[in-house]
Amino acid sequence: MARTLDSRVRIQHDAKVIAASPPPSGPTFAQAVVSVIGAMGIVLLVPLALLAVGTPVALAVRGLLEAARWLLRMMG
């Protein structure tokens, strides 16, 4: 049975041995590449989200203005 003090030190009661793993050395090259690709994906999704929200709003405003113009032409 093992008892954990923290994430790197493990004490085994039956063997009376303390095993410690070395500290992590930082991200590997593959992890860095995956992080950069993820960041690029987020950067490219922001303009797409702006277009997805802004286009219907712009079309609605244009439609309201066109309807108001049509009503003014009919009245005058």
Foldseek 3Di string as FASTA:
>chain_A
DWDDPDPFWIADPVVRDIGGDDDDPDDDPVVVVVVVVVVVVVVVVVVVVCCVVVVVVVVVVVVVVVVVVVVVVVVD
